[in-house]
Protein backbone atom coordinates (compact mmCIF):
# COMPACT_ATOMS: atom_id res chain seq x y z
CA VAL A 1 -0.03 0.02 0.00
CA ASP A 2 1.28 3.44 -0.90
CA GLU A 3 1.77 5.07 2.51
CA GLN A 4 1.47 8.60 1.26
CA LEU A 5 -1.78 7.79 -0.54
CA GLU A 6 -3.10 6.24 2.72
CA VAL A 7 -2.21 9.45 4.62
CA GLU A 8 -3.76 11.71 1.92
CA SER A 9 -7.09 9.72 1.77
CA ASN A 10 -7.36 9.84 5.68
CA ARG A 11 -5.89 13.36 6.40
CA GLY A 12 -7.51 14.98 9.38
CA SER A 13 -9.80 11.93 10.03
CA TYR A 14 -8.84 11.10 13.65
CA GLU A 15 -9.72 13.03 16.78
CA VAL A 16 -7.81 10.73 19.19
CA VAL A 17 -4.80 8.63 18.39
CA VAL A 18 -3.64 6.14 21.11
CA LEU A 19 -0.18 4.84 20.41
CA ASP A 20 0.66 1.76 22.53
CA SER A 21 3.92 0.80 20.86
CA THR A 22 6.93 -1.32 21.77
CA ASP A 23 9.65 -0.21 24.18
CA TYR A 24 11.85 2.58 22.86
CA GLY A 25 14.69 1.11 20.79
CA ALA A 26 12.78 -2.13 20.02
CA SER A 27 11.30 -0.83 16.75
CA GLU A 28 13.18 2.27 15.61
CA SER A 29 10.78 3.13 12.70
CA LEU A 30 8.00 3.83 15.17
CA PHE A 31 9.96 6.52 16.88
CA THR A 32 11.23 8.69 13.99
CA GLU A 33 10.20 12.26 13.33
CA SER A 34 8.71 11.18 9.98
CA PHE A 35 6.41 8.64 11.76
CA TYR A 36 5.10 11.22 14.21
CA ARG A 37 4.66 13.77 11.41
CA ARG A 38 2.67 11.25 9.43
CA LEU A 39 0.49 10.51 12.46
CA LYS A 40 -0.08 14.26 12.83
CA GLN A 41 -1.29 14.49 9.28
CA LEU A 42 -3.93 11.93 10.09
CA MET A 43 -5.18 13.87 12.99
CA ALA A 44 -8.01 16.41 13.01
CA LYS A 45 -7.20 19.99 14.00
CA ASP A 46 -8.46 19.68 17.53
CA SER A 47 -7.23 16.20 18.20
CA ILE A 48 -4.88 14.62 20.59
CA LEU A 49 -2.21 11.91 20.45
CA VAL A 50 -1.60 9.84 23.63
CA ALA A 51 1.36 7.53 23.73
CA ASN A 52 2.99 5.38 26.41
CA LEU A 53 6.59 6.40 27.29
CA ASP A 54 8.71 4.63 29.68
CA SER A 55 9.50 4.48 33.48
CA PRO A 56 10.78 7.85 34.55
CA SER A 57 12.45 6.15 37.55
CA TRP A 58 14.54 3.89 35.31
CA ASN A 59 14.71 5.76 32.01
CA LEU A 60 14.31 9.46 32.60
CA ASP A 61 16.70 10.31 29.72
CA THR A 62 14.34 8.51 27.29
CA VAL A 63 11.20 10.18 28.70
CA THR A 64 12.85 13.60 28.47
CA ALA A 65 14.23 12.99 24.96
CA VAL A 66 10.85 11.94 23.60
CA GLN A 67 9.11 14.82 25.24
CA LEU A 68 11.49 17.29 23.66
CA HIS A 69 11.24 15.57 20.31
CA LEU A 70 7.42 15.67 20.28
CA ALA A 71 7.45 19.25 21.48
CA GLY A 72 9.12 20.12 18.25
CA ILE A 73 6.19 18.65 16.35
CA PHE A 74 3.21 19.52 18.48
CA LYS A 75 2.44 22.82 20.23
CA HIS A 76 1.69 20.96 23.48
CA ALA A 77 3.57 17.76 24.54
CA VAL A 78 2.90 17.05 28.17
CA VAL A 79 4.20 14.07 30.18
CA MET A 80 1.85 12.50 32.73
CA GLN A 81 2.92 9.99 35.37
CA SER A 82 1.14 7.06 36.85
CA HIS A 83 1.84 4.32 39.38
CA GLN A 84 1.21 0.92 38.02
CA PRO A 85 1.95 -1.93 40.42
CA THR A 86 1.88 -4.46 37.56
CA PHE A 87 5.04 -2.86 35.98
CA LEU A 88 8.39 -3.68 37.44
CA SER A 89 9.23 -0.24 38.53
CA GLY A 90 5.65 0.58 39.45
CA HIS A 91 6.17 4.00 37.89
CA TYR A 92 5.25 4.80 34.30
CA SER A 93 4.56 7.71 32.01
CA PHE A 94 2.51 8.78 29.13
CA ILE A 95 2.63 11.78 26.76
CA PHE A 96 -0.28 13.82 25.53
CA CYS A 97 0.31 15.83 22.34
CA SER A 98 -1.82 18.30 20.57
CA ASP A 99 -1.75 21.64 18.80
CA GLU A 100 -5.11 22.77 20.18
CA ILE A 101 -5.73 20.92 23.38
CA HIS A 102 -3.75 21.50 26.58
């Protein structure tokens, strides 16, 4: 499938994008600037992207780098933390990205 054709035919179609991807470094193509820019093209003007990040307790450098990277693509890129006893560290983070919603 022609990826650009897919983006063009669905441009602005999604109000909410939930990205539950692999751990950072496990699948590099999912963490590139072009990947996130393509996702943004699929999103409606007043939409939001929510993505899982990593444990700030164990990988604060990764959480910080992703937040800075996405802040260069979206007007708002806010990291939220949660405590999840089912995860090894019990401490996890998510990022909320949008140009309109804060």
